[in-house]
Amino acid sequence: MIPQIQVLHTDLDWQTQLRDAIKSGRQLLDHLDLRSDDVGYSEEAAADFPVKVPMAFVHRMQRGDPRDPLLLQALSRELELLESP
């Protein structure tokens, strides 16, 4: 017997979510009421690691928390530029 899969419904289709996604680190920081210095954001690192974060993911982030784990997954930081030994 083939098991039935329950599909989760969202208000927006994936194309709309992708179109409306945040596409820059600055825009993400502004949305979360943070400054670059708060999280060590780097424009230089962002050139190598472009940002595209769906709003559904952004809404799970804690506004004003520079150590939010979801934010740290999505944002290019100065640490990205360090050479590893």
PDB file of N, CA and C in Angstrom:
ATOM      1  N   MET A   1       0.837  -1.171   0.000  1.00  0.00           N
ATOM      2  CA  MET A   1       0.000   0.000   0.000  1.00  0.00           C
ATOM      3  C   MET A   1       0.889   1.244   0.000  1.00  0.00           C
ATOM      4  N   ILE A   2       0.549   2.218  -0.787  1.00  0.00           N
ATOM      5  CA  ILE A   2       1.297   3.471  -0.862  1.00  0.00           C
ATOM      6  C   ILE A   2       0.789   4.409   0.227  1.00  0.00           C
ATOM      7  N   PRO A   3       1.709   4.892   1.092  1.00  0.00           N
ATOM      8  CA  PRO A   3       1.255   5.797   2.160  1.00  0.00           C
ATOM      9  C   PRO A   3       0.832   7.146   1.583  1.00  0.00           C
ATOM     10  N   GLN A   4      -0.157   7.729   2.213  1.00  0.00           N
ATOM     11  CA  GLN A   4      -0.594   9.057   1.796  1.00  0.00           C
ATOM     12  C   GLN A   4       0.292  10.103   2.446  1.00  0.00           C
ATOM     13  N   ILE A   5       0.614  11.112   1.688  1.00  0.00           N
ATOM     14  CA  ILE A   5       1.442  12.204   2.187  1.00  0.00           C
ATOM     15  C   ILE A   5       0.558  13.433   2.330  1.00  0.00           C
ATOM     16  N   GLN A   6       0.646  14.037   3.485  1.00  0.00           N
ATOM     17  CA  GLN A   6      -0.129  15.252   3.712  1.00  0.00           C
ATOM     18  C   GLN A   6       0.690  16.452   3.238  1.00  0.00           C
ATOM     19  N   VAL A   7       0.145  17.216   2.347  1.00  0.00           N
ATOM     20  CA  VAL A   7       0.833  18.374   1.788  1.00  0.00           C
ATOM     21  C   VAL A   7       0.544  19.595   2.656  1.00  0.00           C
ATOM     22  N   LEU A   8       1.619  20.313   3.015  1.00  0.00           N
ATOM     23  CA  LEU A   8       1.451  21.556   3.756  1.00  0.00           C
ATOM     24  C   LEU A   8       1.109  22.665   2.775  1.00  0.00           C
ATOM     25  N   HIS A   9       0.115  23.437   3.100  1.00  0.00           N
ATOM     26  CA  HIS A   9      -0.304  24.524   2.219  1.00  0.00           C
ATOM     27  C   HIS A   9       0.282  25.847   2.700  1.00  0.00           C
ATOM     28  N   THR A  10       0.759  26.630   1.762  1.00  0.00           N
ATOM     29  CA  THR A  10       1.229  27.972   2.081  1.00  0.00           C
ATOM     30  C   THR A  10       0.380  28.963   1.300  1.00  0.00           C
ATOM     31  N   ASP A  11       0.381  30.171   1.762  1.00  0.00           N
ATOM     32  CA  ASP A  11      -0.394  31.202   1.081  1.00  0.00           C
ATOM     33  C   ASP A  11       0.227  31.595  -0.253  1.00  0.00           C
ATOM     34  N   LEU A  12       1.535  31.424  -0.370  1.00  0.00           N
ATOM     35  CA  LEU A  12       2.241  31.853  -1.569  1.00  0.00           C
ATOM     36  C   LEU A  12       2.929  30.667  -2.227  1.00  0.00           C
ATOM     37  N   ASP A  13       2.944  30.642  -3.546  1.00  0.00           N
ATOM     38  CA  ASP A  13       3.684  29.598  -4.228  1.00  0.00           C
ATOM     39  C   ASP A  13       5.181  29.912  -4.177  1.00  0.00           C
ATOM     40  N   TRP A  14       5.994  28.947  -4.543  1.00  0.00           N
ATOM     41  CA  TRP A  14       7.438  29.114  -4.389  1.00  0.00           C
ATOM     42  C   TRP A  14       7.988  30.223  -5.278  1.00  0.00           C
ATOM     43  N   GLN A  15       7.383  30.427  -6.447  1.00  0.00           N
ATOM     44  CA  GLN A  15       7.863  31.488  -7.325  1.00  0.00           C
ATOM     45  C   GLN A  15       7.643  32.863  -6.692  1.00  0.00           C
ATOM     46  N   THR A  16       6.506  33.046  -6.059  1.00  0.00           N
ATOM     47  CA  THR A  16       6.212  34.312  -5.388  1.00  0.00           C
ATOM     48  C   THR A  16       7.142  34.510  -4.204  1.00  0.00           C
ATOM     49  N   GLN A  17       7.374  33.436  -3.442  1.00  0.00           N
ATOM     50  CA  GLN A  17       8.279  33.537  -2.304  1.00  0.00           C
ATOM     51  C   GLN A  17       9.690  33.909  -2.757  1.00  0.00           C
ATOM     52  N   LEU A  18      10.132  33.319  -3.846  1.00  0.00           N
ATOM     53  CA  LEU A  18      11.462  33.630  -4.366  1.00  0.00           C
ATOM     54  C   LEU A  18      11.528  35.060  -4.892  1.00  0.00           C
ATOM     55  N   ARG A  19      10.490  35.500  -5.576  1.00  0.00           N
ATOM     56  CA  ARG A  19      10.446  36.868  -6.100  1.00  0.00           C
ATOM     57  C   ARG A  19      10.500  37.898  -4.978  1.00  0.00           C
ATOM     58  N   ASP A  20       9.802  37.623  -3.884  1.00  0.00           N
ATOM     59  CA  ASP A  20       9.704  38.574  -2.780  1.00  0.00           C
ATOM     60  C   ASP A  20      10.802  38.405  -1.728  1.00  0.00           C
ATOM     61  N   ALA A  21      11.738  37.510  -1.964  1.00  0.00           N
ATOM     62  CA  ALA A  21      12.795  37.244  -0.983  1.00  0.00           C
ATOM     63  C   ALA A  21      13.706  38.461  -0.804  1.00  0.00           C
ATOM     64  N   ILE A  22      14.313  38.537   0.357  1.00  0.00           N
ATOM     65  CA  ILE A  22      15.324  39.570   0.616  1.00  0.00           C
ATOM     66  C   ILE A  22      16.570  39.202  -0.172  1.00  0.00           C
ATOM     67  N   LYS A  23      17.124  40.187  -0.879  1.00  0.00           N
ATOM     68  CA  LYS A  23      18.228  39.901  -1.794  1.00  0.00           C
ATOM     69  C   LYS A  23      19.515  40.639  -1.472  1.00  0.00           C
ATOM     70  N   SER A  24      19.595  41.223  -0.283  1.00  0.00           N
ATOM     71  CA  SER A  24      20.855  41.858   0.121  1.00  0.00           C
ATOM     72  C   SER A  24      20.997  41.781   1.637  1.00  0.00           C
ATOM     73  N   GLY A  25      22.239  41.747   2.066  1.00  0.00           N
ATOM     74  CA  GLY A  25      22.507  41.721   3.499  1.00  0.00           C
ATOM     75  C   GLY A  25      22.006  42.968   4.196  1.00  0.00           C
ATOM     76  N   ARG A  26      22.174  44.103   3.554  1.00  0.00           N
ATOM     77  CA  ARG A  26      21.708  45.372   4.141  1.00  0.00           C
ATOM     78  C   ARG A  26      20.188  45.352   4.332  1.00  0.00           C
ATOM     79  N   GLN A  27      19.486  44.861   3.334  1.00  0.00           N
ATOM     80  CA  GLN A  27      18.028  44.775   3.420  1.00  0.00           C
ATOM     81  C   GLN A  27      17.616  43.846   4.569  1.00  0.00           C
ATOM     82  N   LEU A  28      18.323  42.742   4.730  1.00  0.00           N
ATOM     83  CA  LEU A  28      18.037  41.810   5.820  1.00  0.00           C
ATOM     84  C   LEU A  28      18.289  42.463   7.172  1.00  0.00           C
ATOM     85  N   LEU A  29      19.422  43.162   7.297  1.00  0.00           N
ATOM     86  CA  LEU A  29      19.734  43.847   8.554  1.00  0.00           C
ATOM     87  C   LEU A  29      18.699  44.918   8.866  1.00  0.00           C
ATOM     88  N   ASP A  30      18.305  45.681   7.865  1.00  0.00           N
ATOM     89  CA  ASP A  30      17.282  46.712   8.071  1.00  0.00           C
ATOM     90  C   ASP A  30      15.975  46.092   8.557  1.00  0.00           C
ATOM     91  N   HIS A  31      15.603  44.992   7.942  1.00  0.00           N
ATOM     92  CA  HIS A  31      14.348  44.331   8.313  1.00  0.00           C
ATOM     93  C   HIS A  31      14.375  43.842   9.766  1.00  0.00           C
ATOM     94  N   LEU A  32      15.562  43.457  10.238  1.00  0.00           N
ATOM     95  CA  LEU A  32      15.699  42.920  11.596  1.00  0.00           C
ATOM     96  C   LEU A  32      16.153  43.969  12.607  1.00  0.00           C
ATOM     97  N   ASP A  33      16.181  45.238  12.187  1.00  0.00           N
ATOM     98  CA  ASP A  33      16.600  46.342  13.069  1.00  0.00           C
ATOM     99  C   ASP A  33      17.999  46.126  13.643  1.00  0.00           C
ATOM    100  N   LEU A  34      18.935  45.760  12.772  1.00  0.00           N
ATOM    101  CA  LEU A  34      20.324  45.544  13.181  1.00  0.00           C
ATOM    102  C   LEU A  34      21.247  46.419  12.343  1.00  0.00           C
ATOM    103  N   ARG A  35      22.438  46.676  12.895  1.00  0.00           N
ATOM    104  CA  ARG A  35      23.475  47.415  12.170  1.00  0.00           C
ATOM    105  C   ARG A  35      24.553  46.430  11.726  1.00  0.00           C
ATOM    106  N   SER A  36      25.310  46.798  10.726  1.00  0.00           N
ATOM    107  CA  SER A  36      26.394  45.944  10.231  1.00  0.00           C
ATOM    108  C   SER A  36      27.354  45.560  11.341  1.00  0.00           C
ATOM    109  N   ASP A  37      27.693  46.544  12.179  1.00  0.00           N
ATOM    110  CA  ASP A  37      28.641  46.297  13.268  1.00  0.00           C
ATOM    111  C   ASP A  37      28.105  45.298  14.287  1.00  0.00           C
ATOM    112  N   ASP A  38      26.792  45.213  14.421  1.00  0.00           N
ATOM    113  CA  ASP A  38      26.196  44.292  15.393  1.00  0.00           C
ATOM    114  C   ASP A  38      26.542  42.841  15.086  1.00  0.00           C
ATOM    115  N   VAL A  39      26.618  42.507  13.809  1.00  0.00           N
ATOM    116  CA  VAL A  39      26.807  41.110  13.408  1.00  0.00           C
ATOM    117  C   VAL A  39      28.105  40.858  12.654  1.00  0.00           C
ATOM    118  N   GLY A  40      28.872  41.903  12.374  1.00  0.00           N
ATOM    119  CA  GLY A  40      30.101  41.739  11.605  1.00  0.00           C
ATOM    120  C   GLY A  40      29.824  41.522  10.123  1.00  0.00           C
ATOM    121  N   TYR A  41      28.755  42.142   9.619  1.00  0.00           N
ATOM    122  CA  TYR A  41      28.400  42.011   8.204  1.00  0.00           C
ATOM    123  C   TYR A  41      29.497  42.599   7.327  1.00  0.00           C
ATOM    124  N   SER A  42      29.771  41.945   6.211  1.00  0.00           N
ATOM    125  CA  SER A  42      30.823  42.390   5.306  1.00  0.00           C
ATOM    126  C   SER A  42      30.313  42.444   3.870  1.00  0.00           C
ATOM    127  N   GLU A  43      30.351  43.630   3.275  1.00  0.00           N
ATOM    128  CA  GLU A  43      29.988  43.786   1.858  1.00  0.00           C
ATOM    129  C   GLU A  43      30.947  42.986   0.977  1.00  0.00           C
ATOM    130  N   GLU A  44      32.213  42.948   1.375  1.00  0.00           N
ATOM    131  CA  GLU A  44      33.217  42.212   0.601  1.00  0.00           C
ATOM    132  C   GLU A  44      32.888  40.720   0.572  1.00  0.00           C
ATOM    133  N   ALA A  45      32.548  40.164   1.719  1.00  0.00           N
ATOM    134  CA  ALA A  45      32.165  38.751   1.775  1.00  0.00           C
ATOM    135  C   ALA A  45      30.863  38.514   1.020  1.00  0.00           C
ATOM    136  N   ALA A  46      29.959  39.473   1.072  1.00  0.00           N
ATOM    137  CA  ALA A  46      28.667  39.339   0.391  1.00  0.00           C
ATOM    138  C   ALA A  46      28.841  39.224  -1.122  1.00  0.00           C
ATOM    139  N   ALA A  47      29.931  39.783  -1.650  1.00  0.00           N
ATOM    140  CA  ALA A  47      30.187  39.677  -3.087  1.00  0.00           C
ATOM    141  C   ALA A  47      30.397  38.216  -3.493  1.00  0.00           C
ATOM    142  N   ASP A  48      30.962  37.414  -2.592  1.00  0.00           N
ATOM    143  CA  ASP A  48      31.204  35.995  -2.865  1.00  0.00           C
ATOM    144  C   ASP A  48      30.058  35.094  -2.405  1.00  0.00           C
ATOM    145  N   PHE A  49      29.226  35.600  -1.511  1.00  0.00           N
ATOM    146  CA  PHE A  49      28.127  34.818  -0.952  1.00  0.00           C
ATOM    147  C   PHE A  49      26.827  35.617  -1.052  1.00  0.00           C
ATOM    148  N   PRO A  50      26.190  35.611  -2.217  1.00  0.00           N
ATOM    149  CA  PRO A  50      24.972  36.409  -2.385  1.00  0.00           C
ATOM    150  C   PRO A  50      23.853  35.949  -1.443  1.00  0.00           C
ATOM    151  N   VAL A  51      22.986  36.879  -1.107  1.00  0.00           N
ATOM    152  CA  VAL A  51      21.883  36.629  -0.177  1.00  0.00           C
ATOM    153  C   VAL A  51      20.577  36.490  -0.956  1.00  0.00           C
ATOM    154  N   LYS A  52      19.802  35.495  -0.615  1.00  0.00           N
ATOM    155  CA  LYS A  52      18.430  35.362  -1.108  1.00  0.00           C
ATOM    156  C   LYS A  52      17.673  34.591  -0.033  1.00  0.00           C
ATOM    157  N   VAL A  53      16.922  35.331   0.776  1.00  0.00           N
ATOM    158  CA  VAL A  53      16.254  34.741   1.934  1.00  0.00           C
ATOM    159  C   VAL A  53      14.744  34.949   1.815  1.00  0.00           C
ATOM    160  N   PRO A  54      13.984  33.860   1.686  1.00  0.00           N
ATOM    161  CA  PRO A  54      12.528  34.000   1.621  1.00  0.00           C
ATOM    162  C   PRO A  54      11.973  34.618   2.905  1.00  0.00           C
ATOM    163  N   MET A  55      10.933  35.415   2.759  1.00  0.00           N
ATOM    164  CA  MET A  55      10.348  36.094   3.915  1.00  0.00           C
ATOM    165  C   MET A  55       9.838  35.111   4.962  1.00  0.00           C
ATOM    166  N   ALA A  56       9.393  33.935   4.552  1.00  0.00           N
ATOM    167  CA  ALA A  56       8.942  32.935   5.526  1.00  0.00           C
ATOM    168  C   ALA A  56      10.086  32.558   6.464  1.00  0.00           C
ATOM    169  N   PHE A  57      11.317  32.509   5.941  1.00  0.00           N
ATOM    170  CA  PHE A  57      12.494  32.207   6.756  1.00  0.00           C
ATOM    171  C   PHE A  57      12.857  33.417   7.615  1.00  0.00           C
ATOM    172  N   VAL A  58      12.788  34.601   7.041  1.00  0.00           N
ATOM    173  CA  VAL A  58      13.104  35.833   7.774  1.00  0.00           C
ATOM    174  C   VAL A  58      12.169  36.000   8.968  1.00  0.00           C
ATOM    175  N   HIS A  59      10.901  35.662   8.795  1.00  0.00           N
ATOM    176  CA  HIS A  59       9.927  35.823   9.882  1.00  0.00           C
ATOM    177  C   HIS A  59      10.213  34.898  11.061  1.00  0.00           C
ATOM    178  N   ARG A  60      11.034  33.885  10.844  1.00  0.00           N
ATOM    179  CA  ARG A  60      11.421  32.996  11.950  1.00  0.00           C
ATOM    180  C   ARG A  60      12.621  33.545  12.733  1.00  0.00           C
ATOM    181  N   MET A  61      13.269  34.574  12.202  1.00  0.00           N
ATOM    182  CA  MET A  61      14.425  35.189  12.867  1.00  0.00           C
ATOM    183  C   MET A  61      13.954  36.138  13.959  1.00  0.00           C
ATOM    184  N   GLN A  62      14.778  36.288  14.996  1.00  0.00           N
ATOM    185  CA  GLN A  62      14.458  37.186  16.106  1.00  0.00           C
ATOM    186  C   GLN A  62      14.920  38.598  15.769  1.00  0.00           C
ATOM    187  N   ARG A  63      13.989  39.520  15.687  1.00  0.00           N
ATOM    188  CA  ARG A  63      14.310  40.922  15.411  1.00  0.00           C
ATOM    189  C   ARG A  63      15.208  41.465  16.526  1.00  0.00           C
ATOM    190  N   GLY A  64      16.305  42.128  16.135  1.00  0.00           N
ATOM    191  CA  GLY A  64      17.207  42.761  17.086  1.00  0.00           C
ATOM    192  C   GLY A  64      18.220  41.828  17.723  1.00  0.00           C
ATOM    193  N   ASP A  65      18.238  40.552  17.339  1.00  0.00           N
ATOM    194  CA  ASP A  65      19.176  39.583  17.929  1.00  0.00           C
ATOM    195  C   ASP A  65      20.319  39.304  16.955  1.00  0.00           C
ATOM    196  N   PRO A  66      21.504  39.886  17.198  1.00  0.00           N
ATOM    197  CA  PRO A  66      22.626  39.685  16.277  1.00  0.00           C
ATOM    198  C   PRO A  66      23.191  38.266  16.313  1.00  0.00           C
ATOM    199  N   ARG A  67      22.788  37.467  17.297  1.00  0.00           N
ATOM    200  CA  ARG A  67      23.294  36.094  17.408  1.00  0.00           C
ATOM    201  C   ARG A  67      22.239  35.064  17.013  1.00  0.00           C
ATOM    202  N   ASP A  68      21.173  35.518  16.381  1.00  0.00           N
ATOM    203  CA  ASP A  68      20.125  34.596  15.953  1.00  0.00           C
ATOM    204  C   ASP A  68      20.728  33.554  15.009  1.00  0.00           C
ATOM    205  N   PRO A  69      20.569  32.265  15.303  1.00  0.00           N
ATOM    206  CA  PRO A  69      21.198  31.234  14.472  1.00  0.00           C
ATOM    207  C   PRO A  69      20.712  31.221  13.022  1.00  0.00           C
ATOM    208  N   LEU A  70      19.463  31.558  12.791  1.00  0.00           N
ATOM    209  CA  LEU A  70      18.964  31.598  11.413  1.00  0.00           C
ATOM    210  C   LEU A  70      19.582  32.758  10.644  1.00  0.00           C
ATOM    211  N   LEU A  71      19.725  33.891  11.305  1.00  0.00           N
ATOM    212  CA  LEU A  71      20.384  35.044  10.690  1.00  0.00           C
ATOM    213  C   LEU A  71      21.823  34.700  10.329  1.00  0.00           C
ATOM    214  N   LEU A  72      22.528  34.057  11.240  1.00  0.00           N
ATOM    215  CA  LEU A  72      23.938  33.738  11.009  1.00  0.00           C
ATOM    216  C   LEU A  72      24.125  32.748   9.864  1.00  0.00           C
ATOM    217  N   GLN A  73      23.103  31.959   9.559  1.00  0.00           N
ATOM    218  CA  GLN A  73      23.175  31.048   8.410  1.00  0.00           C
ATOM    219  C   GLN A  73      23.042  31.793   7.084  1.00  0.00           C
ATOM    220  N   ALA A  74      22.332  32.909   7.113  1.00  0.00           N
ATOM    221  CA  ALA A  74      21.978  33.591   5.868  1.00  0.00           C
ATOM    222  C   ALA A  74      22.857  34.785   5.528  1.00  0.00           C
ATOM    223  N   LEU A  75      23.593  35.307   6.508  1.00  0.00           N
ATOM    224  CA  LEU A  75      24.305  36.566   6.318  1.00  0.00           C
ATOM    225  C   LEU A  75      25.806  36.350   6.157  1.00  0.00           C
ATOM    226  N   SER A  76      26.404  37.018   5.174  1.00  0.00           N
ATOM    227  CA  SER A  76      27.857  36.967   4.976  1.00  0.00           C
ATOM    228  C   SER A  76      28.528  37.866   6.001  1.00  0.00           C
ATOM    229  N   ARG A  77      29.495  37.302   6.708  1.00  0.00           N
ATOM    230  CA  ARG A  77      30.161  38.057   7.764  1.00  0.00           C
ATOM    231  C   ARG A  77      31.651  38.148   7.481  1.00  0.00           C
ATOM    232  N   GLU A  78      32.311  39.019   8.247  1.00  0.00           N
ATOM    233  CA  GLU A  78      33.756  39.212   8.100  1.00  0.00           C
ATOM    234  C   GLU A  78      34.512  37.898   8.268  1.00  0.00           C
ATOM    235  N   LEU A  79      33.977  36.992   9.067  1.00  0.00           N
ATOM    236  CA  LEU A  79      34.630  35.701   9.294  1.00  0.00           C
ATOM    237  C   LEU A  79      34.799  34.906   8.000  1.00  0.00           C
ATOM    238  N   GLU A  80      33.957  35.169   7.012  1.00  0.00           N
ATOM    239  CA  GLU A  80      34.047  34.462   5.726  1.00  0.00           C
ATOM    240  C   GLU A  80      35.353  34.779   4.997  1.00  0.00           C
ATOM    241  N   LEU A  81      35.974  35.897   5.346  1.00  0.00           N
ATOM    242  CA  LEU A  81      37.177  36.348   4.647  1.00  0.00           C
ATOM    243  C   LEU A  81      38.469  35.824   5.265  1.00  0.00           C
ATOM    244  N   LEU A  82      38.373  35.188   6.426  1.00  0.00           N
ATOM    245  CA  LEU A  82      39.572  34.685   7.098  1.00  0.00           C
ATOM    246  C   LEU A  82      40.152  33.501   6.345  1.00  0.00           C
ATOM    247  N   GLU A  83      41.468  33.485   6.237  1.00  0.00           N
ATOM    248  CA  GLU A  83      42.165  32.355   5.628  1.00  0.00           C
ATOM    249  C   GLU A  83      42.278  31.243   6.660  1.00  0.00           C
ATOM    250  N   SER A  84      42.021  30.023   6.251  1.00  0.00           N
ATOM    251  CA  SER A  84      42.200  28.909   7.186  1.00  0.00           C
ATOM    252  C   SER A  84      43.598  28.327   6.999  1.00  0.00           C
ATOM    253  N   PRO A  85      44.175  27.850   8.086  1.00  0.00           N
ATOM    254  CA  PRO A  85      45.564  27.341   8.010  1.00  0.00           C
ATOM    255  C   PRO A  85      45.685  26.076   7.192  1.00  0.00           C
TER     256      PRO A  85
END
